[in-house]
PDB file of N, CA and C in Angstrom:
ATOM      1  N   MET A   1       0.853  -1.180   0.000  1.00  0.00           N
ATOM      2  CA  MET A   1       0.000   0.000   0.000  1.00  0.00           C
ATOM      3  C   MET A   1       0.896   1.239   0.000  1.00  0.00           C
ATOM      4  N   PRO A   2       0.642   2.181  -0.911  1.00  0.00           N
ATOM      5  CA  PRO A   2       1.496   3.366  -0.965  1.00  0.00           C
ATOM      6  C   PRO A   2       1.323   4.237   0.279  1.00  0.00           C
ATOM      7  N   MET A   3       2.412   4.892   0.642  1.00  0.00           N
ATOM      8  CA  MET A   3       2.376   5.813   1.770  1.00  0.00           C
ATOM      9  C   MET A   3       1.959   7.179   1.247  1.00  0.00           C
ATOM     10  N   ILE A   4       0.936   7.771   1.865  1.00  0.00           N
ATOM     11  CA  ILE A   4       0.412   9.063   1.442  1.00  0.00           C
ATOM     12  C   ILE A   4       0.344   9.967   2.664  1.00  0.00           C
ATOM     13  N   MET A   5       0.866  11.188   2.518  1.00  0.00           N
ATOM     14  CA  MET A   5       0.863  12.156   3.609  1.00  0.00           C
ATOM     15  C   MET A   5       0.447  13.523   3.090  1.00  0.00           C
ATOM     16  N   PRO A   6      -0.226  14.301   3.928  1.00  0.00           N
ATOM     17  CA  PRO A   6      -0.530  15.674   3.521  1.00  0.00           C
ATOM     18  C   PRO A   6       0.734  16.539   3.590  1.00  0.00           C
ATOM     19  N   ILE A   7       0.770  17.589   2.800  1.00  0.00           N
ATOM     20  CA  ILE A   7       1.947  18.441   2.700  1.00  0.00           C
ATOM     21  C   ILE A   7       2.310  19.077   4.044  1.00  0.00           C
ATOM     22  N   ARG A   8       1.343  19.309   4.906  1.00  0.00           N
ATOM     23  CA  ARG A   8       1.623  19.924   6.214  1.00  0.00           C
ATOM     24  C   ARG A   8       2.569  19.056   7.051  1.00  0.00           C
ATOM     25  N   ASP A   9       2.588  17.719   6.778  1.00  0.00           N
ATOM     26  CA  ASP A   9       3.467  16.822   7.531  1.00  0.00           C
ATOM     27  C   ASP A   9       4.934  16.978   7.151  1.00  0.00           C
ATOM     28  N   LEU A  10       5.227  17.730   6.084  1.00  0.00           N
ATOM     29  CA  LEU A  10       6.624  17.953   5.690  1.00  0.00           C
ATOM     30  C   LEU A  10       7.384  18.788   6.715  1.00  0.00           C
ATOM     31  N   ARG A  11       6.674  19.418   7.624  1.00  0.00           N
ATOM     32  CA  ARG A  11       7.345  20.188   8.687  1.00  0.00           C
ATOM     33  C   ARG A  11       8.213  19.289   9.561  1.00  0.00           C
ATOM     34  N   ASN A  12       7.817  18.030   9.682  1.00  0.00           N
ATOM     35  CA  ASN A  12       8.546  17.086  10.531  1.00  0.00           C
ATOM     36  C   ASN A  12       9.531  16.295   9.664  1.00  0.00           C
ATOM     37  N   THR A  13      10.583  16.963   9.228  1.00  0.00           N
ATOM     38  CA  THR A  13      11.518  16.373   8.266  1.00  0.00           C
ATOM     39  C   THR A  13      12.256  15.161   8.813  1.00  0.00           C
ATOM     40  N   SER A  14      12.598  15.173  10.081  1.00  0.00           N
ATOM     41  CA  SER A  14      13.331  14.034  10.653  1.00  0.00           C
ATOM     42  C   SER A  14      12.495  12.757  10.607  1.00  0.00           C
ATOM     43  N   THR A  15      11.234  12.867  10.949  1.00  0.00           N
ATOM     44  CA  THR A  15      10.352  11.701  10.930  1.00  0.00           C
ATOM     45  C   THR A  15      10.174  11.182   9.509  1.00  0.00           C
ATOM     46  N   ILE A  16       9.987  12.092   8.557  1.00  0.00           N
ATOM     47  CA  ILE A  16       9.812  11.679   7.164  1.00  0.00           C
ATOM     48  C   ILE A  16      11.083  11.020   6.643  1.00  0.00           C
ATOM     49  N   SER A  17      12.235  11.576   7.002  1.00  0.00           N
ATOM     50  CA  SER A  17      13.506  10.986   6.580  1.00  0.00           C
ATOM     51  C   SER A  17      13.649   9.570   7.142  1.00  0.00           C
ATOM     52  N   GLU A  18      13.385   9.399   8.410  1.00  0.00           N
ATOM     53  CA  GLU A  18      13.475   8.080   9.042  1.00  0.00           C
ATOM     54  C   GLU A  18      12.517   7.093   8.371  1.00  0.00           C
ATOM     55  N   LEU A  19      11.312   7.542   8.095  1.00  0.00           N
ATOM     56  CA  LEU A  19      10.301   6.699   7.462  1.00  0.00           C
ATOM     57  C   LEU A  19      10.735   6.298   6.046  1.00  0.00           C
ATOM     58  N   ALA A  20      11.261   7.261   5.292  1.00  0.00           N
ATOM     59  CA  ALA A  20      11.701   6.978   3.918  1.00  0.00           C
ATOM     60  C   ALA A  20      12.834   5.956   3.912  1.00  0.00           C
ATOM     61  N   HIS A  21      13.762   6.071   4.855  1.00  0.00           N
ATOM     62  CA  HIS A  21      14.885   5.121   4.918  1.00  0.00           C
ATOM     63  C   HIS A  21      14.446   3.757   5.430  1.00  0.00           C
ATOM     64  N   LYS A  22      13.530   3.753   6.386  1.00  0.00           N
ATOM     65  CA  LYS A  22      13.065   2.485   6.961  1.00  0.00           C
ATOM     66  C   LYS A  22      12.217   1.692   5.968  1.00  0.00           C
ATOM     67  N   LYS A  23      11.265   2.354   5.310  1.00  0.00           N
ATOM     68  CA  LYS A  23      10.329   1.668   4.418  1.00  0.00           C
ATOM     69  C   LYS A  23      10.917   1.399   3.036  1.00  0.00           C
ATOM     70  N   GLN A  24      11.877   2.212   2.593  1.00  0.00           N
ATOM     71  CA  GLN A  24      12.471   2.096   1.249  1.00  0.00           C
ATOM     72  C   GLN A  24      11.403   2.017   0.164  1.00  0.00           C
ATOM     73  N   GLU A  25      10.442   2.954   0.252  1.00  0.00           N
ATOM     74  CA  GLU A  25       9.430   3.113  -0.781  1.00  0.00           C
ATOM     75  C   GLU A  25       9.062   4.589  -0.838  1.00  0.00           C
ATOM     76  N   PRO A  26       8.536   5.032  -1.977  1.00  0.00           N
ATOM     77  CA  PRO A  26       8.191   6.450  -2.098  1.00  0.00           C
ATOM     78  C   PRO A  26       7.080   6.849  -1.133  1.00  0.00           C
ATOM     79  N   ILE A  27       7.142   8.088  -0.692  1.00  0.00           N
ATOM     80  CA  ILE A  27       6.085   8.681   0.131  1.00  0.00           C
ATOM     81  C   ILE A  27       5.418   9.739  -0.739  1.00  0.00           C
ATOM     82  N   PHE A  28       4.138   9.571  -0.995  1.00  0.00           N
ATOM     83  CA  PHE A  28       3.404  10.503  -1.843  1.00  0.00           C
ATOM     84  C   PHE A  28       2.831  11.616  -0.977  1.00  0.00           C
ATOM     85  N   ILE A  29       3.130  12.858  -1.347  1.00  0.00           N
ATOM     86  CA  ILE A  29       2.690  14.030  -0.599  1.00  0.00           C
ATOM     87  C   ILE A  29       1.539  14.674  -1.361  1.00  0.00           C
ATOM     88  N   THR A  30       0.449  14.930  -0.636  1.00  0.00           N
ATOM     89  CA  THR A  30      -0.723  15.539  -1.262  1.00  0.00           C
ATOM     90  C   THR A  30      -0.880  16.990  -0.819  1.00  0.00           C
ATOM     91  N   LYS A  31      -1.460  17.773  -1.702  1.00  0.00           N
ATOM     92  CA  LYS A  31      -1.772  19.177  -1.404  1.00  0.00           C
ATOM     93  C   LYS A  31      -3.219  19.400  -1.821  1.00  0.00           C
ATOM     94  N   ASN A  32      -4.023  19.811  -0.889  1.00  0.00           N
ATOM     95  CA  ASN A  32      -5.465  19.996  -1.131  1.00  0.00           C
ATOM     96  C   ASN A  32      -6.106  18.727  -1.686  1.00  0.00           C
ATOM     97  N   GLY A  33      -5.635  17.570  -1.223  1.00  0.00           N
ATOM     98  CA  GLY A  33      -6.214  16.294  -1.615  1.00  0.00           C
ATOM     99  C   GLY A  33      -5.706  15.723  -2.929  1.00  0.00           C
ATOM    100  N   TYR A  34      -4.773  16.428  -3.572  1.00  0.00           N
ATOM    101  CA  TYR A  34      -4.242  15.974  -4.859  1.00  0.00           C
ATOM    102  C   TYR A  34      -2.758  15.657  -4.740  1.00  0.00           C
ATOM    103  N   SER A  35      -2.308  14.708  -5.513  1.00  0.00           N
ATOM    104  CA  SER A  35      -0.897  14.336  -5.531  1.00  0.00           C
ATOM    105  C   SER A  35      -0.055  15.546  -5.936  1.00  0.00           C
ATOM    106  N   ASP A  36       1.024  15.817  -5.163  1.00  0.00           N
ATOM    107  CA  ASP A  36       1.831  17.004  -5.419  1.00  0.00           C
ATOM    108  C   ASP A  36       3.321  16.685  -5.503  1.00  0.00           C
ATOM    109  N   LEU A  37       3.826  15.872  -4.590  1.00  0.00           N
ATOM    110  CA  LEU A  37       5.246  15.563  -4.516  1.00  0.00           C
ATOM    111  C   LEU A  37       5.458  14.092  -4.192  1.00  0.00           C
ATOM    112  N   VAL A  38       6.679  13.628  -4.437  1.00  0.00           N
ATOM    113  CA  VAL A  38       7.080  12.294  -4.008  1.00  0.00           C
ATOM    114  C   VAL A  38       8.411  12.449  -3.280  1.00  0.00           C
ATOM    115  N   VAL A  39       8.491  11.871  -2.087  1.00  0.00           N
ATOM    116  CA  VAL A  39       9.708  11.915  -1.281  1.00  0.00           C
ATOM    117  C   VAL A  39      10.223  10.491  -1.134  1.00  0.00           C
ATOM    118  N   MET A  40      11.546  10.327  -1.289  1.00  0.00           N
ATOM    119  CA  MET A  40      12.139   9.000  -1.112  1.00  0.00           C
ATOM    120  C   MET A  40      13.577   9.156  -0.646  1.00  0.00           C
ATOM    121  N   SER A  41      14.132   8.070  -0.125  1.00  0.00           N
ATOM    122  CA  SER A  41      15.529   8.086   0.294  1.00  0.00           C
ATOM    123  C   SER A  41      16.429   8.178  -0.933  1.00  0.00           C
ATOM    124  N   ALA A  42      17.637   8.654  -0.729  1.00  0.00           N
ATOM    125  CA  ALA A  42      18.604   8.743  -1.820  1.00  0.00           C
ATOM    126  C   ALA A  42      18.918   7.358  -2.377  1.00  0.00           C
ATOM    127  N   GLU A  43      18.969   6.346  -1.517  1.00  0.00           N
ATOM    128  CA  GLU A  43      19.251   4.975  -1.971  1.00  0.00           C
ATOM    129  C   GLU A  43      18.159   4.483  -2.920  1.00  0.00           C
ATOM    130  N   LEU A  44      16.912   4.741  -2.554  1.00  0.00           N
ATOM    131  CA  LEU A  44      15.798   4.313  -3.399  1.00  0.00           C
ATOM    132  C   LEU A  44      15.813   5.073  -4.717  1.00  0.00           C
ATOM    133  N   TYR A  45      16.113   6.364  -4.663  1.00  0.00           N
ATOM    134  CA  TYR A  45      16.199   7.161  -5.884  1.00  0.00           C
ATOM    135  C   TYR A  45      17.270   6.600  -6.818  1.00  0.00           C
ATOM    136  N   GLU A  46      18.436   6.268  -6.271  1.00  0.00           N
ATOM    137  CA  GLU A  46      19.516   5.704  -7.088  1.00  0.00           C
ATOM    138  C   GLU A  46      19.091   4.381  -7.716  1.00  0.00           C
ATOM    139  N   ARG A  47      18.369   3.562  -6.969  1.00  0.00           N
ATOM    140  CA  ARG A  47      17.880   2.294  -7.513  1.00  0.00           C
ATOM    141  C   ARG A  47      16.920   2.546  -8.675  1.00  0.00           C
ATOM    142  N   PHE A  48      15.982   3.489  -8.498  1.00  0.00           N
ATOM    143  CA  PHE A  48      15.052   3.830  -9.576  1.00  0.00           C
ATOM    144  C   PHE A  48      15.799   4.386 -10.784  1.00  0.00           C
ATOM    145  N   ALA A  49      16.784   5.242 -10.549  1.00  0.00           N
ATOM    146  CA  ALA A  49      17.548   5.833 -11.645  1.00  0.00           C
ATOM    147  C   ALA A  49      18.318   4.768 -12.411  1.00  0.00           C
ATOM    148  N   ARG A  50      18.908   3.814 -11.699  1.00  0.00           N
ATOM    149  CA  ARG A  50      19.657   2.722 -12.339  1.00  0.00           C
ATOM    150  C   ARG A  50      18.718   1.871 -13.203  1.00  0.00           C
ATOM    151  N   ILE A  51      17.563   1.533 -12.668  1.00  0.00           N
ATOM    152  CA  ILE A  51      16.584   0.749 -13.422  1.00  0.00           C
ATOM    153  C   ILE A  51      16.132   1.527 -14.653  1.00  0.00           C
ATOM    154  N   ASN A  52      15.916   2.824 -14.497  1.00  0.00           N
ATOM    155  CA  ASN A  52      15.493   3.650 -15.620  1.00  0.00           C
ATOM    156  C   ASN A  52      16.562   3.683 -16.711  1.00  0.00           C
ATOM    157  N   ARG A  53      17.840   3.775 -16.327  1.00  0.00           N
ATOM    158  CA  ARG A  53      18.924   3.771 -17.319  1.00  0.00           C
ATOM    159  C   ARG A  53      18.958   2.443 -18.076  1.00  0.00           C
ATOM    160  N   ILE A  54      18.757   1.346 -17.372  1.00  0.00           N
ATOM    161  CA  ILE A  54      18.734   0.027 -18.014  1.00  0.00           C
ATOM    162  C   ILE A  54      17.551  -0.066 -18.973  1.00  0.00           C
ATOM    163  N   ASP A  55      16.365   0.351 -18.503  1.00  0.00           N
ATOM    164  CA  ASP A  55      15.172   0.323 -19.354  1.00  0.00           C
ATOM    165  C   ASP A  55      15.373   1.192 -20.593  1.00  0.00           C
ATOM    166  N   GLN A  56      15.984   2.358 -20.432  1.00  0.00           N
ATOM    167  CA  GLN A  56      16.221   3.256 -21.557  1.00  0.00           C
ATOM    168  C   GLN A  56      17.172   2.618 -22.561  1.00  0.00           C
ATOM    169  N   ALA A  57      18.220   1.969 -22.075  1.00  0.00           N
ATOM    170  CA  ALA A  57      19.177   1.299 -22.971  1.00  0.00           C
ATOM    171  C   ALA A  57      18.492   0.182 -23.752  1.00  0.00           C
ATOM    172  N   ILE A  58      17.641  -0.587 -23.098  1.00  0.00           N
ATOM    173  CA  ILE A  58      16.900  -1.661 -23.779  1.00  0.00           C
ATOM    174  C   ILE A  58      15.980  -1.066 -24.837  1.00  0.00           C
ATOM    175  N   PHE A  59      15.264   0.003 -24.485  1.00  0.00           N
ATOM    176  CA  PHE A  59      14.363   0.666 -25.431  1.00  0.00           C
ATOM    177  C   PHE A  59      15.129   1.148 -26.660  1.00  0.00           C
ATOM    178  N   GLU A  60      16.279   1.788 -26.431  1.00  0.00           N
ATOM    179  CA  GLU A  60      17.076   2.306 -27.538  1.00  0.00           C
ATOM    180  C   GLU A  60      17.605   1.171 -28.420  1.00  0.00           C
ATOM    181  N   ALA A  61      18.006   0.064 -27.811  1.00  0.00           N
ATOM    182  CA  ALA A  61      18.497  -1.079 -28.584  1.00  0.00           C
ATOM    183  C   ALA A  61      17.373  -1.684 -29.425  1.00  0.00           C
ATOM    184  N   GLU A  62      16.187  -1.821 -28.837  1.00  0.00           N
ATOM    185  CA  GLU A  62      15.055  -2.365 -29.585  1.00  0.00           C
ATOM    186  C   GLU A  62      14.689  -1.446 -30.753  1.00  0.00           C
ATOM    187  N   LYS A  63      14.719  -0.140 -30.516  1.00  0.00           N
ATOM    188  CA  LYS A  63      14.414   0.822 -31.577  1.00  0.00           C
ATOM    189  C   LYS A  63      15.449   0.738 -32.696  1.00  0.00           C
ATOM    190  N   GLU A  64      16.705   0.601 -32.323  1.00  0.00           N
ATOM    191  CA  GLU A  64      17.775   0.484 -33.318  1.00  0.00           C
ATOM    192  C   GLU A  64      17.575  -0.753 -34.204  1.00  0.00           C
ATOM    193  N   VAL A  65      17.207  -1.873 -33.593  1.00  0.00           N
ATOM    194  CA  VAL A  65      16.961  -3.102 -34.356  1.00  0.00           C
ATOM    195  C   VAL A  65      15.751  -2.917 -35.277  1.00  0.00           C
ATOM    196  N   GLU A  66      14.688  -2.272 -34.769  1.00  0.00           N
ATOM    197  CA  GLU A  66      13.506  -2.012 -35.598  1.00  0.00           C
ATOM    198  C   GLU A  66      13.851  -1.159 -36.816  1.00  0.00           C
ATOM    199  N   GLU A  67      14.829  -0.266 -36.645  1.00  0.00           N
ATOM    200  CA  GLU A  67      15.221   0.635 -37.736  1.00  0.00           C
ATOM    201  C   GLU A  67      16.277   0.013 -38.641  1.00  0.00           C
ATOM    202  N   GLY A  68      16.521  -1.287 -38.482  1.00  0.00           N
ATOM    203  CA  GLY A  68      17.431  -1.982 -39.383  1.00  0.00           C
ATOM    204  C   GLY A  68      18.802  -2.263 -38.820  1.00  0.00           C
ATOM    205  N   GLY A  69      19.031  -1.917 -37.589  1.00  0.00           N
ATOM    206  CA  GLY A  69      20.318  -2.213 -36.955  1.00  0.00           C
ATOM    207  C   GLY A  69      20.524  -3.716 -36.848  1.00  0.00           C
ATOM    208  N   GLU A  70      21.756  -4.123 -36.909  1.00  0.00           N
ATOM    209  CA  GLU A  70      22.078  -5.560 -36.879  1.00  0.00           C
ATOM    210  C   GLU A  70      22.409  -5.979 -35.442  1.00  0.00           C
ATOM    211  N   PRO A  71      21.656  -6.925 -34.886  1.00  0.00           N
ATOM    212  CA  PRO A  71      21.974  -7.419 -33.538  1.00  0.00           C
ATOM    213  C   PRO A  71      23.347  -8.104 -33.545  1.00  0.00           C
ATOM    214  N   ILE A  72      24.009  -8.075 -32.376  1.00  0.00           N
ATOM    215  CA  ILE A  72      25.290  -8.769 -32.249  1.00  0.00           C
ATOM    216  C   ILE A  72      25.163  -9.853 -31.194  1.00  0.00           C
ATOM    217  N   ALA A  73      26.048 -10.822 -31.264  1.00  0.00           N
ATOM    218  CA  ALA A  73      26.031 -11.942 -30.318  1.00  0.00           C
ATOM    219  C   ALA A  73      26.397 -11.446 -28.919  1.00  0.00           C
ATOM    220  N   LEU A  74      25.884 -12.114 -27.915  1.00  0.00           N
ATOM    221  CA  LEU A  74      26.150 -11.749 -26.538  1.00  0.00           C
ATOM    222  C   LEU A  74      27.649 -11.733 -26.242  1.00  0.00           C
ATOM    223  N   ASP A  75      28.365 -12.750 -26.700  1.00  0.00           N
ATOM    224  CA  ASP A  75      29.812 -12.813 -26.447  1.00  0.00           C
ATOM    225  C   ASP A  75      30.531 -11.597 -27.023  1.00  0.00           C
ATOM    226  N   ALA A  76      30.140 -11.187 -28.214  1.00  0.00           N
ATOM    227  CA  ALA A  76      30.764 -10.018 -28.842  1.00  0.00           C
ATOM    228  C   ALA A  76      30.438  -8.750 -28.065  1.00  0.00           C
ATOM    229  N   ALA A  77      29.215  -8.636 -27.577  1.00  0.00           N
ATOM    230  CA  ALA A  77      28.822  -7.461 -26.800  1.00  0.00           C
ATOM    231  C   ALA A  77      29.612  -7.389 -25.503  1.00  0.00           C
ATOM    232  N   ILE A  78      29.741  -8.519 -24.814  1.00  0.00           N
ATOM    233  CA  ILE A  78      30.487  -8.544 -23.552  1.00  0.00           C
ATOM    234  C   ILE A  78      31.951  -8.199 -23.796  1.00  0.00           C
ATOM    235  N   GLU A  79      32.521  -8.751 -24.853  1.00  0.00           N
ATOM    236  CA  GLU A  79      33.916  -8.463 -25.181  1.00  0.00           C
ATOM    237  C   GLU A  79      34.098  -6.969 -25.460  1.00  0.00           C
ATOM    238  N   SER A  80      33.169  -6.400 -26.192  1.00  0.00           N
ATOM    239  CA  SER A  80      33.236  -4.971 -26.495  1.00  0.00           C
ATOM    240  C   SER A  80      33.128  -4.132 -25.225  1.00  0.00           C
ATOM    241  N   LEU A  81      32.193  -4.513 -24.345  1.00  0.00           N
ATOM    242  CA  LEU A  81      32.021  -3.774 -23.095  1.00  0.00           C
ATOM    243  C   LEU A  81      33.243  -3.925 -22.191  1.00  0.00           C
ATOM    244  N   ASP A  82      33.809  -5.116 -22.121  1.00  0.00           N
ATOM    245  CA  ASP A  82      35.011  -5.322 -21.308  1.00  0.00           C
ATOM    246  C   ASP A  82      36.147  -4.445 -21.805  1.00  0.00           C
ATOM    247  N   GLY A  83      36.280  -4.332 -23.105  1.00  0.00           N
ATOM    248  CA  GLY A  83      37.324  -3.495 -23.665  1.00  0.00           C
ATOM    249  C   GLY A  83      37.133  -2.035 -23.304  1.00  0.00           C
ATOM    250  N   LYS A  84      35.896  -1.560 -23.315  1.00  0.00           N
ATOM    251  CA  LYS A  84      35.614  -0.176 -22.943  1.00  0.00           C
ATOM    252  C   LYS A  84      35.861   0.032 -21.463  1.00  0.00           C
ATOM    253  N   TYR A  85      35.487  -0.943 -20.658  1.00  0.00           N
ATOM    254  CA  TYR A  85      35.657  -0.831 -19.218  1.00  0.00           C
ATOM    255  C   TYR A  85      37.122  -0.741 -18.838  1.00  0.00           C
ATOM    256  N   TYR A  86      37.914  -1.556 -19.481  1.00  0.00           N
ATOM    257  CA  TYR A  86      39.338  -1.578 -19.168  1.00  0.00           C
ATOM    258  C   TYR A  86      40.149  -0.610 -20.028  1.00  0.00           C
ATOM    259  N   GLY A  87      39.479   0.122 -20.900  1.00  0.00           N
ATOM    260  CA  GLY A  87      40.151   1.114 -21.702  1.00  0.00           C
ATOM    261  C   GLY A  87      41.003   0.561 -22.824  1.00  0.00           C
ATOM    262  N   THR A  88      40.717  -0.655 -23.294  1.00  0.00           N
ATOM    263  CA  THR A  88      41.541  -1.263 -24.337  1.00  0.00           C
ATOM    264  C   THR A  88      40.987  -1.012 -25.721  1.00  0.00           C
ATOM    265  N   LEU A  89      39.776  -0.488 -25.825  1.00  0.00           N
ATOM    266  CA  LEU A  89      39.224  -0.229 -27.161  1.00  0.00           C
ATOM    267  C   LEU A  89      39.377   1.227 -27.518  1.00  0.00           C
TER     268      LEU A  89
END
């Protein structure tokens, strides 16, 4: 169940911070009964950002293939990535 709080509760920043770190899920802040903000721990934000980067890379790869790009074998992709990681390419 999502956590929902009214905006007036933002005055108690320490409690919200503790809650965000303990629950590791977004806290939805409402203003006049409508969704207004989302508060989360930095760790959770980084996890969401990492997942978003992965999803974006997959989307871009699928689009490239749809536009006629040639898929490469997994072994070749890993070898290419290893070379970039170690600076050999």
